[in-house]
């Protein structure tokens, strides 16, 4: 979800959709708390705007990191399957090394 979509939900106190990610949930809760504090007079409008801008920027960063993590995990799992097949077919030292790096087996015997 975009920060603006989350902001609209938070302003209207509407729930997040079930597919919302962790960084979406964090932004939603920060924004609902900011709106609540502003309406109660706990923080000024200027402070609320600064905090909202900081939260929106952090959401953009975390959302990008989350998407990269998901893509990397998916690719790693696909590569692990291919590496397993390559190890079964032949014992090329380079394939063994790549498989060990992908799976995290490399260096375990020394730990």
PDB file of N, CA and C in Angstrom:
ATOM      1  N   UNK A   1       0.847  -1.174   0.000  1.00  0.00           N
ATOM      2  CA  UNK A   1       0.000   0.000   0.000  1.00  0.00           C
ATOM      3  C   UNK A   1       0.893   1.237   0.000  1.00  0.00           C
ATOM      4  N   UNK A   2       0.360   2.325  -0.533  1.00  0.00           N
ATOM      5  CA  UNK A   2       1.114   3.570  -0.500  1.00  0.00           C
ATOM      6  C   UNK A   2       0.846   4.290   0.818  1.00  0.00           C
ATOM      7  N   UNK A   3       1.747   5.195   1.150  1.00  0.00           N
ATOM      8  CA  UNK A   3       1.572   5.984   2.358  1.00  0.00           C
ATOM      9  C   UNK A   3       0.289   6.796   2.320  1.00  0.00           C
ATOM     10  N   UNK A   4      -0.047   7.340   1.146  1.00  0.00           N
ATOM     11  CA  UNK A   4      -1.271   8.140   1.019  1.00  0.00           C
ATOM     12  C   UNK A   4      -2.525   7.297   1.249  1.00  0.00           C
ATOM     13  N   UNK A   5      -2.520   6.064   0.761  1.00  0.00           N
ATOM     14  CA  UNK A   5      -3.664   5.175   0.987  1.00  0.00           C
ATOM     15  C   UNK A   5      -3.824   4.880   2.479  1.00  0.00           C
ATOM     16  N   UNK A   6      -2.720   4.644   3.135  1.00  0.00           N
ATOM     17  CA  UNK A   6      -2.753   4.359   4.571  1.00  0.00           C
ATOM     18  C   UNK A   6      -3.196   5.596   5.339  1.00  0.00           C
ATOM     19  N   UNK A   7      -2.727   6.753   4.907  1.00  0.00           N
ATOM     20  CA  UNK A   7      -3.108   8.012   5.555  1.00  0.00           C
ATOM     21  C   UNK A   7      -4.620   8.226   5.492  1.00  0.00           C
ATOM     22  N   UNK A   8      -5.216   7.962   4.340  1.00  0.00           N
ATOM     23  CA  UNK A   8      -6.666   8.128   4.197  1.00  0.00           C
ATOM     24  C   UNK A   8      -7.430   7.208   5.147  1.00  0.00           C
ATOM     25  N   UNK A   9      -6.949   5.964   5.262  1.00  0.00           N
ATOM     26  CA  UNK A   9      -7.602   5.023   6.177  1.00  0.00           C
ATOM     27  C   UNK A   9      -7.447   5.472   7.627  1.00  0.00           C
ATOM     28  N   UNK A  10      -6.252   5.936   7.978  1.00  0.00           N
ATOM     29  CA  UNK A  10      -5.992   6.366   9.358  1.00  0.00           C
ATOM     30  C   UNK A  10      -6.835   7.583   9.720  1.00  0.00           C
ATOM     31  N   UNK A  11      -6.955   8.541   8.796  1.00  0.00           N
ATOM     32  CA  UNK A  11      -7.762   9.740   9.066  1.00  0.00           C
ATOM     33  C   UNK A  11      -9.222   9.401   9.299  1.00  0.00           C
ATOM     34  N   UNK A  12      -9.711   8.418   8.545  1.00  0.00           N
ATOM     35  CA  UNK A  12     -11.125   8.025   8.662  1.00  0.00           C
ATOM     36  C   UNK A  12     -11.343   6.922   9.696  1.00  0.00           C
ATOM     37  N   UNK A  13     -10.262   6.490  10.340  1.00  0.00           N
ATOM     38  CA  UNK A  13     -10.299   5.399  11.330  1.00  0.00           C
ATOM     39  C   UNK A  13     -10.917   4.137  10.744  1.00  0.00           C
ATOM     40  N   UNK A  14     -10.564   3.866   9.482  1.00  0.00           N
ATOM     41  CA  UNK A  14     -11.013   2.653   8.810  1.00  0.00           C
ATOM     42  C   UNK A  14      -9.925   1.595   8.959  1.00  0.00           C
ATOM     43  N   UNK A  15     -10.289   0.328   9.004  1.00  0.00           N
ATOM     44  CA  UNK A  15      -9.282  -0.722   9.189  1.00  0.00           C
ATOM     45  C   UNK A  15      -8.410  -0.923   7.950  1.00  0.00           C
ATOM     46  N   UNK A  16      -7.220  -1.426   8.187  1.00  0.00           N
ATOM     47  CA  UNK A  16      -6.330  -1.798   7.091  1.00  0.00           C
ATOM     48  C   UNK A  16      -6.831  -3.095   6.461  1.00  0.00           C
ATOM     49  N   UNK A  17      -6.580  -3.284   5.168  1.00  0.00           N
ATOM     50  CA  UNK A  17      -6.942  -4.569   4.554  1.00  0.00           C
ATOM     51  C   UNK A  17      -6.064  -5.692   5.116  1.00  0.00           C
ATOM     52  N   UNK A  18      -6.543  -6.908   5.029  1.00  0.00           N
ATOM     53  CA  UNK A  18      -5.827  -8.068   5.566  1.00  0.00           C
ATOM     54  C   UNK A  18      -4.438  -8.247   4.954  1.00  0.00           C
ATOM     55  N   UNK A  19      -4.266  -7.843   3.707  1.00  0.00           N
ATOM     56  CA  UNK A  19      -2.979  -8.062   3.038  1.00  0.00           C
ATOM     57  C   UNK A  19      -1.939  -6.989   3.359  1.00  0.00           C
ATOM     58  N   UNK A  20      -2.265  -6.051   4.230  1.00  0.00           N
ATOM     59  CA  UNK A  20      -1.316  -4.999   4.600  1.00  0.00           C
ATOM     60  C   UNK A  20      -0.077  -5.616   5.245  1.00  0.00           C
ATOM     61  N   UNK A  21       1.083  -5.110   4.852  1.00  0.00           N
ATOM     62  CA  UNK A  21       2.346  -5.605   5.389  1.00  0.00           C
ATOM     63  C   UNK A  21       2.664  -4.972   6.743  1.00  0.00           C
ATOM     64  N   UNK A  22       3.752  -5.434   7.323  1.00  0.00           N
ATOM     65  CA  UNK A  22       4.157  -4.956   8.639  1.00  0.00           C
ATOM     66  C   UNK A  22       4.463  -3.462   8.623  1.00  0.00           C
ATOM     67  N   UNK A  23       5.175  -2.983   7.605  1.00  0.00           N
ATOM     68  CA  UNK A  23       5.490  -1.549   7.573  1.00  0.00           C
ATOM     69  C   UNK A  23       4.221  -0.718   7.342  1.00  0.00           C
ATOM     70  N   UNK A  24       3.230  -1.271   6.644  1.00  0.00           N
ATOM     71  CA  UNK A  24       1.947  -0.590   6.474  1.00  0.00           C
ATOM     72  C   UNK A  24       1.235  -0.464   7.817  1.00  0.00           C
ATOM     73  N   UNK A  25       1.273  -1.539   8.591  1.00  0.00           N
ATOM     74  CA  UNK A  25       0.621  -1.528   9.905  1.00  0.00           C
ATOM     75  C   UNK A  25       1.293  -0.521  10.842  1.00  0.00           C
ATOM     76  N   UNK A  26       2.616  -0.463  10.788  1.00  0.00           N
ATOM     77  CA  UNK A  26       3.328   0.487  11.651  1.00  0.00           C
ATOM     78  C   UNK A  26       2.970   1.920  11.290  1.00  0.00           C
ATOM     79  N   UNK A  27       2.947   2.240   9.995  1.00  0.00           N
ATOM     80  CA  UNK A  27       2.588   3.599   9.579  1.00  0.00           C
ATOM     81  C   UNK A  27       1.158   3.921  10.006  1.00  0.00           C
ATOM     82  N   UNK A  28       0.255   2.991   9.810  1.00  0.00           N
ATOM     83  CA  UNK A  28      -1.149   3.200  10.186  1.00  0.00           C
ATOM     84  C   UNK A  28      -1.264   3.560  11.668  1.00  0.00           C
ATOM     85  N   UNK A  29      -0.585   2.810  12.526  1.00  0.00           N
ATOM     86  CA  UNK A  29      -0.679   3.066  13.962  1.00  0.00           C
ATOM     87  C   UNK A  29      -0.014   4.383  14.360  1.00  0.00           C
ATOM     88  N   UNK A  30       1.080   4.718  13.700  1.00  0.00           N
ATOM     89  CA  UNK A  30       1.723   6.012  13.963  1.00  0.00           C
ATOM     90  C   UNK A  30       0.775   7.147  13.569  1.00  0.00           C
ATOM     91  N   UNK A  31       0.171   7.033  12.406  1.00  0.00           N
ATOM     92  CA  UNK A  31      -0.719   8.100  11.931  1.00  0.00           C
ATOM     93  C   UNK A  31      -1.971   8.223  12.791  1.00  0.00           C
ATOM     94  N   UNK A  32      -2.570   7.108  13.172  1.00  0.00           N
ATOM     95  CA  UNK A  32      -3.768   7.207  14.021  1.00  0.00           C
ATOM     96  C   UNK A  32      -3.416   7.839  15.365  1.00  0.00           C
ATOM     97  N   UNK A  33      -2.247   7.527  15.900  1.00  0.00           N
ATOM     98  CA  UNK A  33      -1.809   8.137  17.166  1.00  0.00           C
ATOM     99  C   UNK A  33      -1.556   9.632  16.979  1.00  0.00           C
ATOM    100  N   UNK A  34      -0.944   9.999  15.867  1.00  0.00           N
ATOM    101  CA  UNK A  34      -0.699  11.423  15.594  1.00  0.00           C
ATOM    102  C   UNK A  34      -2.011  12.196  15.475  1.00  0.00           C
ATOM    103  N   UNK A  35      -2.947  11.664  14.706  1.00  0.00           N
ATOM    104  CA  UNK A  35      -4.237  12.346  14.559  1.00  0.00           C
ATOM    105  C   UNK A  35      -4.947  12.476  15.905  1.00  0.00           C
ATOM    106  N   UNK A  36      -4.893  11.427  16.681  1.00  0.00           N
ATOM    107  CA  UNK A  36      -5.527  11.449  18.001  1.00  0.00           C
ATOM    108  C   UNK A  36      -4.872  12.499  18.906  1.00  0.00           C
ATOM    109  N   UNK A  37      -3.555  12.496  18.949  1.00  0.00           N
ATOM    110  CA  UNK A  37      -2.837  13.468  19.784  1.00  0.00           C
ATOM    111  C   UNK A  37      -3.082  14.895  19.318  1.00  0.00           C
ATOM    112  N   UNK A  38      -3.142  15.106  18.016  1.00  0.00           N
ATOM    113  CA  UNK A  38      -3.401  16.444  17.488  1.00  0.00           C
ATOM    114  C   UNK A  38      -4.808  16.908  17.877  1.00  0.00           C
ATOM    115  N   UNK A  39      -5.800  16.031  17.708  1.00  0.00           N
ATOM    116  CA  UNK A  39      -7.178  16.404  18.041  1.00  0.00           C
ATOM    117  C   UNK A  39      -7.365  16.661  19.539  1.00  0.00           C
ATOM    118  N   UNK A  40      -6.593  15.973  20.367  1.00  0.00           N
ATOM    119  CA  UNK A  40      -6.661  16.185  21.817  1.00  0.00           C
ATOM    120  C   UNK A  40      -5.860  17.412  22.261  1.00  0.00           C
ATOM    121  N   UNK A  41      -5.078  17.978  21.345  1.00  0.00           N
ATOM    122  CA  UNK A  41      -4.269  19.139  21.683  1.00  0.00           C
ATOM    123  C   UNK A  41      -2.950  18.789  22.351  1.00  0.00           C
ATOM    124  N   UNK A  42      -2.576  17.526  22.300  1.00  0.00           N
ATOM    125  CA  UNK A  42      -1.322  17.078  22.917  1.00  0.00           C
ATOM    126  C   UNK A  42      -0.120  17.576  22.121  1.00  0.00           C
ATOM    127  N   UNK A  43      -0.245  17.593  20.786  1.00  0.00           N
ATOM    128  CA  UNK A  43       0.834  18.113  19.938  1.00  0.00           C
ATOM    129  C   UNK A  43       0.268  19.186  19.018  1.00  0.00           C
ATOM    130  N   UNK A  44       1.154  20.065  18.584  1.00  0.00           N
ATOM    131  CA  UNK A  44       0.737  21.157  17.692  1.00  0.00           C
ATOM    132  C   UNK A  44       0.603  20.648  16.260  1.00  0.00           C
ATOM    133  N   UNK A  45      -0.022  21.456  15.438  1.00  0.00           N
ATOM    134  CA  UNK A  45      -0.179  21.098  14.027  1.00  0.00           C
ATOM    135  C   UNK A  45       1.189  20.994  13.358  1.00  0.00           C
ATOM    136  N   UNK A  46       2.091  21.914  13.698  1.00  0.00           N
ATOM    137  CA  UNK A  46       3.435  21.892  13.109  1.00  0.00           C
ATOM    138  C   UNK A  46       4.175  20.600  13.475  1.00  0.00           C
ATOM    139  N   UNK A  47       4.100  20.227  14.758  1.00  0.00           N
ATOM    140  CA  UNK A  47       4.750  18.976  15.182  1.00  0.00           C
ATOM    141  C   UNK A  47       4.125  17.771  14.497  1.00  0.00           C
ATOM    142  N   UNK A  48       2.810  17.772  14.381  1.00  0.00           N
ATOM    143  CA  UNK A  48       2.118  16.659  13.737  1.00  0.00           C
ATOM    144  C   UNK A  48       2.565  16.521  12.278  1.00  0.00           C
ATOM    145  N   UNK A  49       2.715  17.648  11.584  1.00  0.00           N
ATOM    146  CA  UNK A  49       3.145  17.607  10.182  1.00  0.00           C
ATOM    147  C   UNK A  49       4.566  17.064  10.054  1.00  0.00           C
ATOM    148  N   UNK A  50       5.445  17.486  10.949  1.00  0.00           N
ATOM    149  CA  UNK A  50       6.836  17.003  10.923  1.00  0.00           C
ATOM    150  C   UNK A  50       6.884  15.506  11.186  1.00  0.00           C
ATOM    151  N   UNK A  51       6.165  15.064  12.205  1.00  0.00           N
ATOM    152  CA  UNK A  51       6.153  13.643  12.547  1.00  0.00           C
ATOM    153  C   UNK A  51       5.510  12.801  11.446  1.00  0.00           C
ATOM    154  N   UNK A  52       4.477  13.329  10.843  1.00  0.00           N
ATOM    155  CA  UNK A  52       3.824  12.608   9.744  1.00  0.00           C
ATOM    156  C   UNK A  52       4.788  12.469   8.565  1.00  0.00           C
ATOM    157  N   UNK A  53       5.493  13.528   8.229  1.00  0.00           N
ATOM    158  CA  UNK A  53       6.450  13.476   7.115  1.00  0.00           C
ATOM    159  C   UNK A  53       7.553  12.452   7.406  1.00  0.00           C
ATOM    160  N   UNK A  54       8.047  12.419   8.637  1.00  0.00           N
ATOM    161  CA  UNK A  54       9.078  11.453   9.019  1.00  0.00           C
ATOM    162  C   UNK A  54       8.550  10.024   8.916  1.00  0.00           C
ATOM    163  N   UNK A  55       7.331   9.815   9.372  1.00  0.00           N
ATOM    164  CA  UNK A  55       6.733   8.478   9.329  1.00  0.00           C
ATOM    165  C   UNK A  55       6.503   8.035   7.885  1.00  0.00           C
ATOM    166  N   UNK A  56       6.056   8.937   7.037  1.00  0.00           N
ATOM    167  CA  UNK A  56       5.806   8.599   5.626  1.00  0.00           C
ATOM    168  C   UNK A  56       7.122   8.241   4.925  1.00  0.00           C
ATOM    169  N   UNK A  57       8.178   8.979   5.207  1.00  0.00           N
ATOM    170  CA  UNK A  57       9.480   8.704   4.596  1.00  0.00           C
ATOM    171  C   UNK A  57      10.015   7.353   5.071  1.00  0.00           C
ATOM    172  N   UNK A  58       9.907   7.092   6.360  1.00  0.00           N
ATOM    173  CA  UNK A  58      10.366   5.808   6.900  1.00  0.00           C
ATOM    174  C   UNK A  58       9.557   4.660   6.295  1.00  0.00           C
ATOM    175  N   UNK A  59       8.258   4.873   6.079  1.00  0.00           N
ATOM    176  CA  UNK A  59       7.423   3.849   5.451  1.00  0.00           C
ATOM    177  C   UNK A  59       7.916   3.547   4.044  1.00  0.00           C
ATOM    178  N   UNK A  60       8.261   4.586   3.286  1.00  0.00           N
ATOM    179  CA  UNK A  60       8.774   4.364   1.931  1.00  0.00           C
ATOM    180  C   UNK A  60      10.044   3.509   1.972  1.00  0.00           C
ATOM    181  N   UNK A  61      10.944   3.822   2.904  1.00  0.00           N
ATOM    182  CA  UNK A  61      12.190   3.055   3.033  1.00  0.00           C
ATOM    183  C   UNK A  61      11.906   1.600   3.407  1.00  0.00           C
ATOM    184  N   UNK A  62      11.077   1.403   4.424  1.00  0.00           N
ATOM    185  CA  UNK A  62      10.786   0.049   4.894  1.00  0.00           C
ATOM    186  C   UNK A  62      10.021  -0.762   3.853  1.00  0.00           C
ATOM    187  N   UNK A  63       9.118  -0.115   3.131  1.00  0.00           N
ATOM    188  CA  UNK A  63       8.358  -0.808   2.091  1.00  0.00           C
ATOM    189  C   UNK A  63       9.298  -1.306   0.999  1.00  0.00           C
ATOM    190  N   UNK A  64      10.255  -0.470   0.606  1.00  0.00           N
ATOM    191  CA  UNK A  64      11.229  -0.881  -0.401  1.00  0.00           C
ATOM    192  C   UNK A  64      12.061  -2.055   0.117  1.00  0.00           C
ATOM    193  N   UNK A  65      12.521  -1.970   1.357  1.00  0.00           N
ATOM    194  CA  UNK A  65      13.303  -3.061   1.942  1.00  0.00           C
ATOM    195  C   UNK A  65      12.487  -4.353   1.998  1.00  0.00           C
ATOM    196  N   UNK A  66      11.218  -4.246   2.350  1.00  0.00           N
ATOM    197  CA  UNK A  66      10.352  -5.424   2.438  1.00  0.00           C
ATOM    198  C   UNK A  66      10.166  -6.071   1.068  1.00  0.00           C
ATOM    199  N   UNK A  67       9.962  -5.233   0.043  1.00  0.00           N
ATOM    200  CA  UNK A  67       9.789  -5.778  -1.310  1.00  0.00           C
ATOM    201  C   UNK A  67      11.071  -6.441  -1.809  1.00  0.00           C
ATOM    202  N   UNK A  68      12.224  -5.816  -1.533  1.00  0.00           N
ATOM    203  CA  UNK A  68      13.506  -6.407  -1.939  1.00  0.00           C
ATOM    204  C   UNK A  68      13.714  -7.728  -1.228  1.00  0.00           C
ATOM    205  N   UNK A  69      13.411  -7.770   0.069  1.00  0.00           N
ATOM    206  CA  UNK A  69      13.570  -9.005   0.840  1.00  0.00           C
ATOM    207  C   UNK A  69      12.705 -10.128   0.251  1.00  0.00           C
ATOM    208  N   UNK A  70      11.462  -9.834  -0.064  1.00  0.00           N
ATOM    209  CA  UNK A  70      10.565 -10.856  -0.611  1.00  0.00           C
ATOM    210  C   UNK A  70      11.065 -11.371  -1.957  1.00  0.00           C
ATOM    211  N   UNK A  71      11.526 -10.453  -2.818  1.00  0.00           N
ATOM    212  CA  UNK A  71      12.037 -10.861  -4.126  1.00  0.00           C
ATOM    213  C   UNK A  71      13.308 -11.694  -3.982  1.00  0.00           C
ATOM    214  N   UNK A  72      14.195 -11.269  -3.097  1.00  0.00           N
ATOM    215  CA  UNK A  72      15.453 -11.990  -2.888  1.00  0.00           C
ATOM    216  C   UNK A  72      15.192 -13.379  -2.327  1.00  0.00           C
ATOM    217  N   UNK A  73      14.274 -13.487  -1.397  1.00  0.00           N
ATOM    218  CA  UNK A  73      13.939 -14.780  -0.814  1.00  0.00           C
ATOM    219  C   UNK A  73      13.378 -15.717  -1.875  1.00  0.00           C
ATOM    220  N   UNK A  74      12.492 -15.202  -2.696  1.00  0.00           N
ATOM    221  CA  UNK A  74      11.897 -16.024  -3.762  1.00  0.00           C
ATOM    222  C   UNK A  74      12.982 -16.516  -4.724  1.00  0.00           C
ATOM    223  N   UNK A  75      13.883 -15.625  -5.121  1.00  0.00           N
ATOM    224  CA  UNK A  75      14.955 -16.010  -6.047  1.00  0.00           C
ATOM    225  C   UNK A  75      15.903 -17.019  -5.407  1.00  0.00           C
ATOM    226  N   UNK A  76      16.209 -16.815  -4.142  1.00  0.00           N
ATOM    227  CA  UNK A  76      17.115 -17.730  -3.445  1.00  0.00           C
ATOM    228  C   UNK A  76      16.526 -19.125  -3.368  1.00  0.00           C
ATOM    229  N   UNK A  77      15.240 -19.218  -3.078  1.00  0.00           N
ATOM    230  CA  UNK A  77      14.593 -20.533  -3.025  1.00  0.00           C
ATOM    231  C   UNK A  77      14.604 -21.214  -4.386  1.00  0.00           C
ATOM    232  N   UNK A  78      14.391 -20.443  -5.448  1.00  0.00           N
ATOM    233  CA  UNK A  78      14.441 -21.006  -6.795  1.00  0.00           C
ATOM    234  C   UNK A  78      15.850 -21.491  -7.129  1.00  0.00           C
ATOM    235  N   UNK A  79      16.852 -20.694  -6.756  1.00  0.00           N
ATOM    236  CA  UNK A  79      18.239 -21.083  -7.012  1.00  0.00           C
ATOM    237  C   UNK A  79      18.644 -22.305  -6.198  1.00  0.00           C
ATOM    238  N   UNK A  80      18.114 -22.422  -4.991  1.00  0.00           N
ATOM    239  CA  UNK A  80      18.444 -23.577  -4.156  1.00  0.00           C
ATOM    240  C   UNK A  80      17.960 -24.872  -4.803  1.00  0.00           C
ATOM    241  N   UNK A  81      16.797 -24.843  -5.403  1.00  0.00           N
ATOM    242  CA  UNK A  81      16.267 -26.027  -6.085  1.00  0.00           C
ATOM    243  C   UNK A  81      17.174 -26.417  -7.243  1.00  0.00           C
ATOM    244  N   UNK A  82      17.606 -25.439  -8.021  1.00  0.00           N
ATOM    245  CA  UNK A  82      18.497 -25.713  -9.153  1.00  0.00           C
ATOM    246  C   UNK A  82      19.843 -26.230  -8.655  1.00  0.00           C
ATOM    247  N   UNK A  83      20.337 -25.625  -7.581  1.00  0.00           N
ATOM    248  CA  UNK A  83      21.632 -26.056  -7.029  1.00  0.00           C
ATOM    249  C   UNK A  83      21.561 -27.488  -6.518  1.00  0.00           C
ATOM    250  N   UNK A  84      20.450 -27.875  -5.906  1.00  0.00           N
ATOM    251  CA  UNK A  84      20.286 -29.256  -5.445  1.00  0.00           C
ATOM    252  C   UNK A  84      20.321 -30.219  -6.625  1.00  0.00           C
ATOM    253  N   UNK A  85      19.638 -29.852  -7.692  1.00  0.00           N
ATOM    254  CA  UNK A  85      19.620 -30.705  -8.886  1.00  0.00           C
ATOM    255  C   UNK A  85      21.012 -30.816  -9.489  1.00  0.00           C
ATOM    256  N   UNK A  86      21.743 -29.704  -9.522  1.00  0.00           N
ATOM    257  CA  UNK A  86      23.095 -29.721 -10.087  1.00  0.00           C
ATOM    258  C   UNK A  86      24.019 -30.604  -9.269  1.00  0.00           C
ATOM    259  N   UNK A  87      23.867 -30.596  -7.958  1.00  0.00           N
ATOM    260  CA  UNK A  87      24.711 -31.444  -7.106  1.00  0.00           C
ATOM    261  C   UNK A  87      24.413 -32.921  -7.316  1.00  0.00           C
ATOM    262  N   UNK A  88      23.176 -33.247  -7.586  1.00  0.00           N
ATOM    263  CA  UNK A  88      22.810 -34.658  -7.823  1.00  0.00           C
ATOM    264  C   UNK A  88      23.393 -35.151  -9.138  1.00  0.00           C
ATOM    265  N   UNK A  89      23.353 -34.281 -10.159  1.00  0.00           N
ATOM    266  CA  UNK A  89      23.788 -34.675 -11.502  1.00  0.00           C
ATOM    267  C   UNK A  89      25.301 -34.828 -11.601  1.00  0.00           C
ATOM    268  N   UNK A  90      26.045 -33.961 -10.976  1.00  0.00           N
ATOM    269  CA  UNK A  90      27.505 -34.033 -11.041  1.00  0.00           C
ATOM    270  C   UNK A  90      28.092 -33.345  -9.811  1.00  0.00           C
ATOM    271  N   UNK A  91      29.306 -33.666  -9.524  1.00  0.00           N
ATOM    272  CA  UNK A  91      29.947 -33.121  -8.323  1.00  0.00           C
ATOM    273  C   UNK A  91      30.981 -32.061  -8.691  1.00  0.00           C
ATOM    274  N   UNK A  92      30.594 -31.148  -9.545  1.00  0.00           N
ATOM    275  CA  UNK A  92      31.474 -30.040  -9.906  1.00  0.00           C
ATOM    276  C   UNK A  92      31.807 -29.244  -8.641  1.00  0.00           C
ATOM    277  N   UNK A  93      33.081 -29.000  -8.349  1.00  0.00           N
ATOM    278  CA  UNK A  93      33.454 -28.276  -7.132  1.00  0.00           C
ATOM    279  C   UNK A  93      32.831 -26.880  -7.064  1.00  0.00           C
ATOM    280  N   UNK A  94      32.683 -26.240  -8.211  1.00  0.00           N
ATOM    281  CA  UNK A  94      32.073 -24.908  -8.232  1.00  0.00           C
ATOM    282  C   UNK A  94      30.590 -24.979  -7.865  1.00  0.00           C
ATOM    283  N   UNK A  95      29.891 -25.997  -8.371  1.00  0.00           N
ATOM    284  CA  UNK A  95      28.471 -26.177  -8.032  1.00  0.00           C
ATOM    285  C   UNK A  95      28.306 -26.475  -6.543  1.00  0.00           C
ATOM    286  N   UNK A  96      29.195 -27.312  -6.006  1.00  0.00           N
ATOM    287  CA  UNK A  96      29.147 -27.633  -4.582  1.00  0.00           C
ATOM    288  C   UNK A  96      29.351 -26.364  -3.761  1.00  0.00           C
ATOM    289  N   UNK A  97      30.311 -25.557  -4.153  1.00  0.00           N
ATOM    290  CA  UNK A  97      30.596 -24.307  -3.441  1.00  0.00           C
ATOM    291  C   UNK A  97      29.394 -23.360  -3.502  1.00  0.00           C
ATOM    292  N   UNK A  98      28.787 -23.216  -4.698  1.00  0.00           N
ATOM    293  CA  UNK A  98      27.622 -22.348  -4.844  1.00  0.00           C
ATOM    294  C   UNK A  98      26.462 -22.847  -3.983  1.00  0.00           C
ATOM    295  N   UNK A  99      26.237 -24.157  -3.989  1.00  0.00           N
ATOM    296  CA  UNK A  99      25.161 -24.732  -3.186  1.00  0.00           C
ATOM    297  C   UNK A  99      25.392 -24.451  -1.700  1.00  0.00           C
ATOM    298  N   UNK A 100      26.610 -24.636  -1.252  1.00  0.00           N
ATOM    299  CA  UNK A 100      26.929 -24.391   0.151  1.00  0.00           C
ATOM    300  C   UNK A 100      26.729 -22.926   0.538  1.00  0.00           C
ATOM    301  N   UNK A 101      27.059 -22.018  -0.358  1.00  0.00           N
ATOM    302  CA  UNK A 101      26.851 -20.590  -0.081  1.00  0.00           C
ATOM    303  C   UNK A 101      25.362 -20.278  -0.012  1.00  0.00           C
ATOM    304  N   UNK A 102      24.596 -20.765  -0.973  1.00  0.00           N
ATOM    305  CA  UNK A 102      23.156 -20.499  -0.999  1.00  0.00           C
ATOM    306  C   UNK A 102      22.425 -21.072   0.202  1.00  0.00           C
ATOM    307  N   UNK A 103      22.825 -22.246   0.619  1.00  0.00           N
ATOM    308  CA  UNK A 103      22.114 -22.901   1.715  1.00  0.00           C
ATOM    309  C   UNK A 103      22.660 -22.533   3.086  1.00  0.00           C
ATOM    310  N   UNK A 104      23.832 -21.932   3.114  1.00  0.00           N
ATOM    311  CA  UNK A 104      24.433 -21.568   4.381  1.00  0.00           C
ATOM    312  C   UNK A 104      25.252 -22.692   5.002  1.00  0.00           C
ATOM    313  N   UNK A 105      25.457 -23.778   4.263  1.00  0.00           N
ATOM    314  CA  UNK A 105      26.227 -24.913   4.785  1.00  0.00           C
ATOM    315  C   UNK A 105      27.717 -24.601   4.834  1.00  0.00           C
ATOM    316  N   UNK A 106      28.167 -23.720   3.994  1.00  0.00           N
ATOM    317  CA  UNK A 106      29.596 -23.415   3.906  1.00  0.00           C
ATOM    318  C   UNK A 106      30.107 -22.856   5.238  1.00  0.00           C
ATOM    319  N   UNK A 107      31.101 -23.500   5.755  1.00  0.00           N
ATOM    320  CA  UNK A 107      31.731 -23.016   6.976  1.00  0.00           C
ATOM    321  C   UNK A 107      31.080 -23.491   8.251  1.00  0.00           C
ATOM    322  N   UNK A 108      30.012 -24.250   8.182  1.00  0.00           N
ATOM    323  CA  UNK A 108      29.324 -24.709   9.405  1.00  0.00           C
ATOM    324  C   UNK A 108      30.182 -25.644  10.241  1.00  0.00           C
ATOM    325  N   UNK A 109      31.002 -26.445   9.544  1.00  0.00           N
ATOM    326  CA  UNK A 109      31.797 -27.396  10.297  1.00  0.00           C
ATOM    327  C   UNK A 109      32.842 -26.711  11.187  1.00  0.00           C
ATOM    328  N   UNK A 110      33.148 -25.448  10.925  1.00  0.00           N
ATOM    329  CA  UNK A 110      34.109 -24.714  11.749  1.00  0.00           C
ATOM    330  C   UNK A 110      33.447 -23.904  12.837  1.00  0.00           C
ATOM    331  N   UNK A 111      32.127 -23.833  12.819  1.00  0.00           N
ATOM    332  CA  UNK A 111      31.416 -23.017  13.822  1.00  0.00           C
ATOM    333  C   UNK A 111      31.274 -23.738  15.141  1.00  0.00           C
TER     334      UNK A 111
END
